[in-house]
Amino acid sequence: MRNYRIGIEYQDGVAVISGTVTSEEQRDAAIRLAQQVQGVSHVVSKLSVPGGAASYNEAELAST
């Protein structure tokens, strides 16, 4: 990933990622990476893509 500015807050299994990425693909990659971190059970994305709408997503991890 290049040319991004992302902040992450974590509490009680919830990771909130916010900032700016250059594309929807970069946004999706950031969400996937956050979901893979041990201890993270829920990801809230407040990432924005310049030229696009701000994104607010919540992604639950599938139980395995």
PDB file of N, CA and C in Angstrom:
ATOM      1  N   MET A   1       0.846  -1.171   0.000  1.00  0.00           N
ATOM      2  CA  MET A   1       0.000   0.000   0.000  1.00  0.00           C
ATOM      3  C   MET A   1       0.895   1.239   0.000  1.00  0.00           C
ATOM      4  N   ARG A   2       0.481   2.233  -0.771  1.00  0.00           N
ATOM      5  CA  ARG A   2       1.260   3.462  -0.891  1.00  0.00           C
ATOM      6  C   ARG A   2       0.335   4.667  -0.802  1.00  0.00           C
ATOM      7  N   ASN A   3       0.912   5.790  -0.364  1.00  0.00           N
ATOM      8  CA  ASN A   3       0.184   7.059  -0.315  1.00  0.00           C
ATOM      9  C   ASN A   3      -1.106   6.962   0.481  1.00  0.00           C
ATOM     10  N   TYR A   4      -1.009   6.499   1.683  1.00  0.00           N
ATOM     11  CA  TYR A   4      -2.180   6.370   2.541  1.00  0.00           C
ATOM     12  C   TYR A   4      -1.898   7.030   3.881  1.00  0.00           C
ATOM     13  N   ARG A   5      -2.935   7.372   4.578  1.00  0.00           N
ATOM     14  CA  ARG A   5      -2.841   7.914   5.938  1.00  0.00           C
ATOM     15  C   ARG A   5      -3.953   7.261   6.740  1.00  0.00           C
ATOM     16  N   ILE A   6      -3.575   6.319   7.593  1.00  0.00           N
ATOM     17  CA  ILE A   6      -4.554   5.528   8.332  1.00  0.00           C
ATOM     18  C   ILE A   6      -4.219   5.563   9.820  1.00  0.00           C
ATOM     19  N   GLY A   7      -5.258   5.738  10.622  1.00  0.00           N
ATOM     20  CA  GLY A   7      -5.121   5.644  12.073  1.00  0.00           C
ATOM     21  C   GLY A   7      -5.961   4.475  12.557  1.00  0.00           C
ATOM     22  N   ILE A   8      -5.508   3.846  13.633  1.00  0.00           N
ATOM     23  CA  ILE A   8      -6.231   2.692  14.163  1.00  0.00           C
ATOM     24  C   ILE A   8      -6.409   2.873  15.663  1.00  0.00           C
ATOM     25  N   GLU A   9      -7.633   2.660  16.117  1.00  0.00           N
ATOM     26  CA  GLU A   9      -7.920   2.626  17.546  1.00  0.00           C
ATOM     27  C   GLU A   9      -8.454   1.232  17.850  1.00  0.00           C
ATOM     28  N   TYR A  10      -8.056   0.704  18.997  1.00  0.00           N
ATOM     29  CA  TYR A  10      -8.463  -0.654  19.358  1.00  0.00           C
ATOM     30  C   TYR A  10      -8.918  -0.673  20.803  1.00  0.00           C
ATOM     31  N   GLN A  11     -10.061  -1.320  21.045  1.00  0.00           N
ATOM     32  CA  GLN A  11     -10.526  -1.523  22.406  1.00  0.00           C
ATOM     33  C   GLN A  11     -11.496  -2.696  22.441  1.00  0.00           C
ATOM     34  N   ASP A  12     -11.265  -3.602  23.352  1.00  0.00           N
ATOM     35  CA  ASP A  12     -12.172  -4.730  23.600  1.00  0.00           C
ATOM     36  C   ASP A  12     -12.541  -5.508  22.340  1.00  0.00           C
ATOM     37  N   GLY A  13     -11.564  -5.800  21.495  1.00  0.00           N
ATOM     38  CA  GLY A  13     -11.809  -6.601  20.302  1.00  0.00           C
ATOM     39  C   GLY A  13     -12.292  -5.825  19.099  1.00  0.00           C
ATOM     40  N   VAL A  14     -12.507  -4.507  19.252  1.00  0.00           N
ATOM     41  CA  VAL A  14     -13.000  -3.674  18.153  1.00  0.00           C
ATOM     42  C   VAL A  14     -11.871  -2.786  17.651  1.00  0.00           C
ATOM     43  N   ALA A  15     -11.593  -2.868  16.353  1.00  0.00           N
ATOM     44  CA  ALA A  15     -10.610  -2.000  15.711  1.00  0.00           C
ATOM     45  C   ALA A  15     -11.354  -0.984  14.858  1.00  0.00           C
ATOM     46  N   VAL A  16     -11.080   0.301  15.091  1.00  0.00           N
ATOM     47  CA  VAL A  16     -11.668   1.371  14.294  1.00  0.00           C
ATOM     48  C   VAL A  16     -10.540   1.940  13.450  1.00  0.00           C
ATOM     49  N   ILE A  17     -10.694   1.835  12.119  1.00  0.00           N
ATOM     50  CA  ILE A  17      -9.667   2.377  11.224  1.00  0.00           C
ATOM     51  C   ILE A  17     -10.251   3.603  10.529  1.00  0.00           C
ATOM     52  N   SER A  18      -9.461   4.673  10.501  1.00  0.00           N
ATOM     53  CA  SER A  18      -9.926   5.912   9.891  1.00  0.00           C
ATOM     54  C   SER A  18      -8.777   6.553   9.138  1.00  0.00           C
ATOM     55  N   GLY A  19      -9.118   7.421   8.217  1.00  0.00           N
ATOM     56  CA  GLY A  19      -8.106   8.123   7.446  1.00  0.00           C
ATOM     57  C   GLY A  19      -8.441   8.137   5.976  1.00  0.00           C
ATOM     58  N   THR A  20      -7.398   8.274   5.166  1.00  0.00           N
ATOM     59  CA  THR A  20      -7.556   8.411   3.721  1.00  0.00           C
ATOM     60  C   THR A  20      -6.694   7.392   2.994  1.00  0.00           C
ATOM     61  N   VAL A  21      -7.281   6.753   1.996  1.00  0.00           N
ATOM     62  CA  VAL A  21      -6.567   5.827   1.120  1.00  0.00           C
ATOM     63  C   VAL A  21      -6.777   6.281  -0.319  1.00  0.00           C
ATOM     64  N   THR A  22      -6.000   5.738  -1.238  1.00  0.00           N
ATOM     65  CA  THR A  22      -6.062   6.225  -2.615  1.00  0.00           C
ATOM     66  C   THR A  22      -7.079   5.511  -3.498  1.00  0.00           C
ATOM     67  N   SER A  23      -7.608   4.368  -3.034  1.00  0.00           N
ATOM     68  CA  SER A  23      -8.549   3.625  -3.868  1.00  0.00           C
ATOM     69  C   SER A  23      -9.420   2.719  -3.005  1.00  0.00           C
ATOM     70  N   GLU A  24     -10.493   2.242  -3.596  1.00  0.00           N
ATOM     71  CA  GLU A  24     -11.346   1.291  -2.897  1.00  0.00           C
ATOM     72  C   GLU A  24     -10.596  -0.006  -2.620  1.00  0.00           C
ATOM     73  N   GLU A  25      -9.691  -0.388  -3.510  1.00  0.00           N
ATOM     74  CA  GLU A  25      -8.887  -1.591  -3.303  1.00  0.00           C
ATOM     75  C   GLU A  25      -8.006  -1.439  -2.072  1.00  0.00           C
ATOM     76  N   GLN A  26      -7.421  -0.243  -1.894  1.00  0.00           N
ATOM     77  CA  GLN A  26      -6.597   0.007  -0.720  1.00  0.00           C
ATOM     78  C   GLN A  26      -7.454  -0.027   0.546  1.00  0.00           C
ATOM     79  N   ARG A  27      -8.657   0.530   0.472  1.00  0.00           N
ATOM     80  CA  ARG A  27      -9.572   0.498   1.615  1.00  0.00           C
ATOM     81  C   ARG A  27      -9.876  -0.951   2.000  1.00  0.00           C
ATOM     82  N   ASP A  28     -10.207  -1.773   1.002  1.00  0.00           N
ATOM     83  CA  ASP A  28     -10.525  -3.178   1.258  1.00  0.00           C
ATOM     84  C   ASP A  28      -9.334  -3.923   1.848  1.00  0.00           C
ATOM     85  N   ALA A  29      -8.128  -3.618   1.358  1.00  0.00           N
ATOM     86  CA  ALA A  29      -6.920  -4.269   1.877  1.00  0.00           C
ATOM     87  C   ALA A  29      -6.685  -3.880   3.332  1.00  0.00           C
ATOM     88  N   ALA A  30      -6.906  -2.619   3.675  1.00  0.00           N
ATOM     89  CA  ALA A  30      -6.725  -2.166   5.059  1.00  0.00           C
ATOM     90  C   ALA A  30      -7.707  -2.868   5.987  1.00  0.00           C
ATOM     91  N   ILE A  31      -8.949  -3.029   5.539  1.00  0.00           N
ATOM     92  CA  ILE A  31      -9.953  -3.727   6.341  1.00  0.00           C
ATOM     93  C   ILE A  31      -9.553  -5.186   6.533  1.00  0.00           C
ATOM     94  N   ARG A  32      -9.129  -5.837   5.456  1.00  0.00           N
ATOM     95  CA  ARG A  32      -8.706  -7.240   5.551  1.00  0.00           C
ATOM     96  C   ARG A  32      -7.538  -7.407   6.522  1.00  0.00           C
ATOM     97  N   LEU A  33      -6.563  -6.506   6.437  1.00  0.00           N
ATOM     98  CA  LEU A  33      -5.404  -6.594   7.333  1.00  0.00           C
ATOM     99  C   LEU A  33      -5.831  -6.435   8.789  1.00  0.00           C
ATOM    100  N   ALA A  34      -6.718  -5.491   9.057  1.00  0.00           N
ATOM    101  CA  ALA A  34      -7.191  -5.287  10.427  1.00  0.00           C
ATOM    102  C   ALA A  34      -7.931  -6.520  10.933  1.00  0.00           C
ATOM    103  N   GLN A  35      -8.701  -7.168  10.069  1.00  0.00           N
ATOM    104  CA  GLN A  35      -9.458  -8.358  10.455  1.00  0.00           C
ATOM    105  C   GLN A  35      -8.546  -9.527  10.803  1.00  0.00           C
ATOM    106  N   GLN A  36      -7.341  -9.537  10.263  1.00  0.00           N
ATOM    107  CA  GLN A  36      -6.417 -10.644  10.476  1.00  0.00           C
ATOM    108  C   GLN A  36      -5.609 -10.521  11.764  1.00  0.00           C
ATOM    109  N   VAL A  37      -5.703  -9.384  12.444  1.00  0.00           N
ATOM    110  CA  VAL A  37      -4.936  -9.182  13.666  1.00  0.00           C
ATOM    111  C   VAL A  37      -5.551  -9.998  14.800  1.00  0.00           C
ATOM    112  N   GLN A  38      -4.710 -10.745  15.494  1.00  0.00           N
ATOM    113  CA  GLN A  38      -5.176 -11.567  16.603  1.00  0.00           C
ATOM    114  C   GLN A  38      -5.837 -10.680  17.651  1.00  0.00           C
ATOM    115  N   GLY A  39      -7.002 -11.094  18.118  1.00  0.00           N
ATOM    116  CA  GLY A  39      -7.734 -10.351  19.135  1.00  0.00           C
ATOM    117  C   GLY A  39      -8.798  -9.425  18.574  1.00  0.00           C
ATOM    118  N   VAL A  40      -8.753  -9.157  17.274  1.00  0.00           N
ATOM    119  CA  VAL A  40      -9.757  -8.292  16.644  1.00  0.00           C
ATOM    120  C   VAL A  40     -10.953  -9.148  16.248  1.00  0.00           C
ATOM    121  N   SER A  41     -12.119  -8.802  16.767  1.00  0.00           N
ATOM    122  CA  SER A  41     -13.333  -9.550  16.430  1.00  0.00           C
ATOM    123  C   SER A  41     -14.294  -8.716  15.599  1.00  0.00           C
ATOM    124  N   HIS A  42     -14.065  -7.407  15.529  1.00  0.00           N
ATOM    125  CA  HIS A  42     -14.977  -6.508  14.816  1.00  0.00           C
ATOM    126  C   HIS A  42     -14.155  -5.341  14.278  1.00  0.00           C
ATOM    127  N   VAL A  43     -14.388  -4.955  13.023  1.00  0.00           N
ATOM    128  CA  VAL A  43     -13.680  -3.833  12.415  1.00  0.00           C
ATOM    129  C   VAL A  43     -14.699  -2.785  11.974  1.00  0.00           C
ATOM    130  N   VAL A  44     -14.461  -1.545  12.377  1.00  0.00           N
ATOM    131  CA  VAL A  44     -15.269  -0.418  11.921  1.00  0.00           C
ATOM    132  C   VAL A  44     -14.366   0.423  11.030  1.00  0.00           C
ATOM    133  N   SER A  45     -14.773   0.625   9.780  1.00  0.00           N
ATOM    134  CA  SER A  45     -13.982   1.401   8.836  1.00  0.00           C
ATOM    135  C   SER A  45     -14.594   2.780   8.650  1.00  0.00           C
ATOM    136  N   LYS A  46     -13.775   3.782   8.906  1.00  0.00           N
ATOM    137  CA  LYS A  46     -14.154   5.177   8.641  1.00  0.00           C
ATOM    138  C   LYS A  46     -13.163   5.755   7.634  1.00  0.00           C
ATOM    139  N   LEU A  47     -12.794   4.942   6.651  1.00  0.00           N
ATOM    140  CA  LEU A  47     -11.817   5.350   5.645  1.00  0.00           C
ATOM    141  C   LEU A  47     -12.493   6.113   4.514  1.00  0.00           C
ATOM    142  N   SER A  48     -11.770   7.079   3.949  1.00  0.00           N
ATOM    143  CA  SER A  48     -12.300   7.802   2.794  1.00  0.00           C
ATOM    144  C   SER A  48     -11.337   7.676   1.624  1.00  0.00           C
ATOM    145  N   VAL A  49     -11.912   7.735   0.430  1.00  0.00           N
ATOM    146  CA  VAL A  49     -11.151   7.678  -0.814  1.00  0.00           C
ATOM    147  C   VAL A  49     -11.334   9.029  -1.501  1.00  0.00           C
ATOM    148  N   PRO A  50     -10.251   9.794  -1.742  1.00  0.00           N
ATOM    149  CA  PRO A  50     -10.403  11.087  -2.403  1.00  0.00           C
ATOM    150  C   PRO A  50     -11.162  10.957  -3.720  1.00  0.00           C
ATOM    151  N   GLY A  51     -12.087  11.859  -3.941  1.00  0.00           N
ATOM    152  CA  GLY A  51     -12.891  11.804  -5.156  1.00  0.00           C
ATOM    153  C   GLY A  51     -14.076  10.872  -5.034  1.00  0.00           C
ATOM    154  N   GLY A  52     -14.146  10.147  -3.957  1.00  0.00           N
ATOM    155  CA  GLY A  52     -15.256   9.235  -3.715  1.00  0.00           C
ATOM    156  C   GLY A  52     -15.951   9.620  -2.425  1.00  0.00           C
ATOM    157  N   ALA A  53     -17.009   8.939  -2.135  1.00  0.00           N
ATOM    158  CA  ALA A  53     -17.745   9.206  -0.906  1.00  0.00           C
ATOM    159  C   ALA A  53     -16.981   8.631   0.281  1.00  0.00           C
ATOM    160  N   ALA A  54     -17.136   9.273   1.420  1.00  0.00           N
ATOM    161  CA  ALA A  54     -16.550   8.718   2.644  1.00  0.00           C
ATOM    162  C   ALA A  54     -17.211   7.384   2.926  1.00  0.00           C
ATOM    163  N   SER A  55     -16.453   6.479   3.453  1.00  0.00           N
ATOM    164  CA  SER A  55     -16.947   5.127   3.711  1.00  0.00           C
ATOM    165  C   SER A  55     -17.104   4.917   5.203  1.00  0.00           C
ATOM    166  N   TYR A  56     -18.208   4.340   5.588  1.00  0.00           N
ATOM    167  CA  TYR A  56     -18.392   3.923   6.979  1.00  0.00           C
ATOM    168  C   TYR A  56     -18.917   2.508   6.928  1.00  0.00           C
ATOM    169  N   ASN A  57     -18.058   1.557   7.257  1.00  0.00           N
ATOM    170  CA  ASN A  57     -18.406   0.137   7.206  1.00  0.00           C
ATOM    171  C   ASN A  57     -18.125  -0.505   8.538  1.00  0.00           C
ATOM    172  N   GLU A  58     -18.913  -1.509   8.840  1.00  0.00           N
ATOM    173  CA  GLU A  58     -18.614  -2.358   9.979  1.00  0.00           C
ATOM    174  C   GLU A  58     -18.488  -3.770   9.430  1.00  0.00           C
ATOM    175  N   ALA A  59     -17.412  -4.431   9.785  1.00  0.00           N
ATOM    176  CA  ALA A  59     -17.159  -5.782   9.276  1.00  0.00           C
ATOM    177  C   ALA A  59     -16.977  -6.735  10.453  1.00  0.00           C
ATOM    178  N   GLU A  60     -17.832  -7.732  10.521  1.00  0.00           N
ATOM    179  CA  GLU A  60     -17.733  -8.755  11.556  1.00  0.00           C
ATOM    180  C   GLU A  60     -16.817  -9.874  11.050  1.00  0.00           C
ATOM    181  N   LEU A  61     -16.042 -10.421  11.931  1.00  0.00           N
ATOM    182  CA  LEU A  61     -15.243 -11.591  11.574  1.00  0.00           C
ATOM    183  C   LEU A  61     -16.120 -12.815  11.651  1.00  0.00           C
ATOM    184  N   ALA A  62     -15.966 -13.695  10.713  1.00  0.00           N
ATOM    185  CA  ALA A  62     -16.703 -14.956  10.732  1.00  0.00           C
ATOM    186  C   ALA A  62     -16.120 -15.843  11.812  1.00  0.00           C
ATOM    187  N   SER A  63     -16.970 -16.481  12.548  1.00  0.00           N
ATOM    188  CA  SER A  63     -16.504 -17.407  13.576  1.00  0.00           C
ATOM    189  C   SER A  63     -16.017 -18.682  12.909  1.00  0.00           C
ATOM    190  N   THR A  64     -14.854 -19.128  13.334  1.00  0.00           N
ATOM    191  CA  THR A  64     -14.328 -20.377  12.785  1.00  0.00           C
ATOM    192  C   THR A  64     -14.041 -21.352  13.869  1.00  0.00           C
TER     193      THR A  64
END
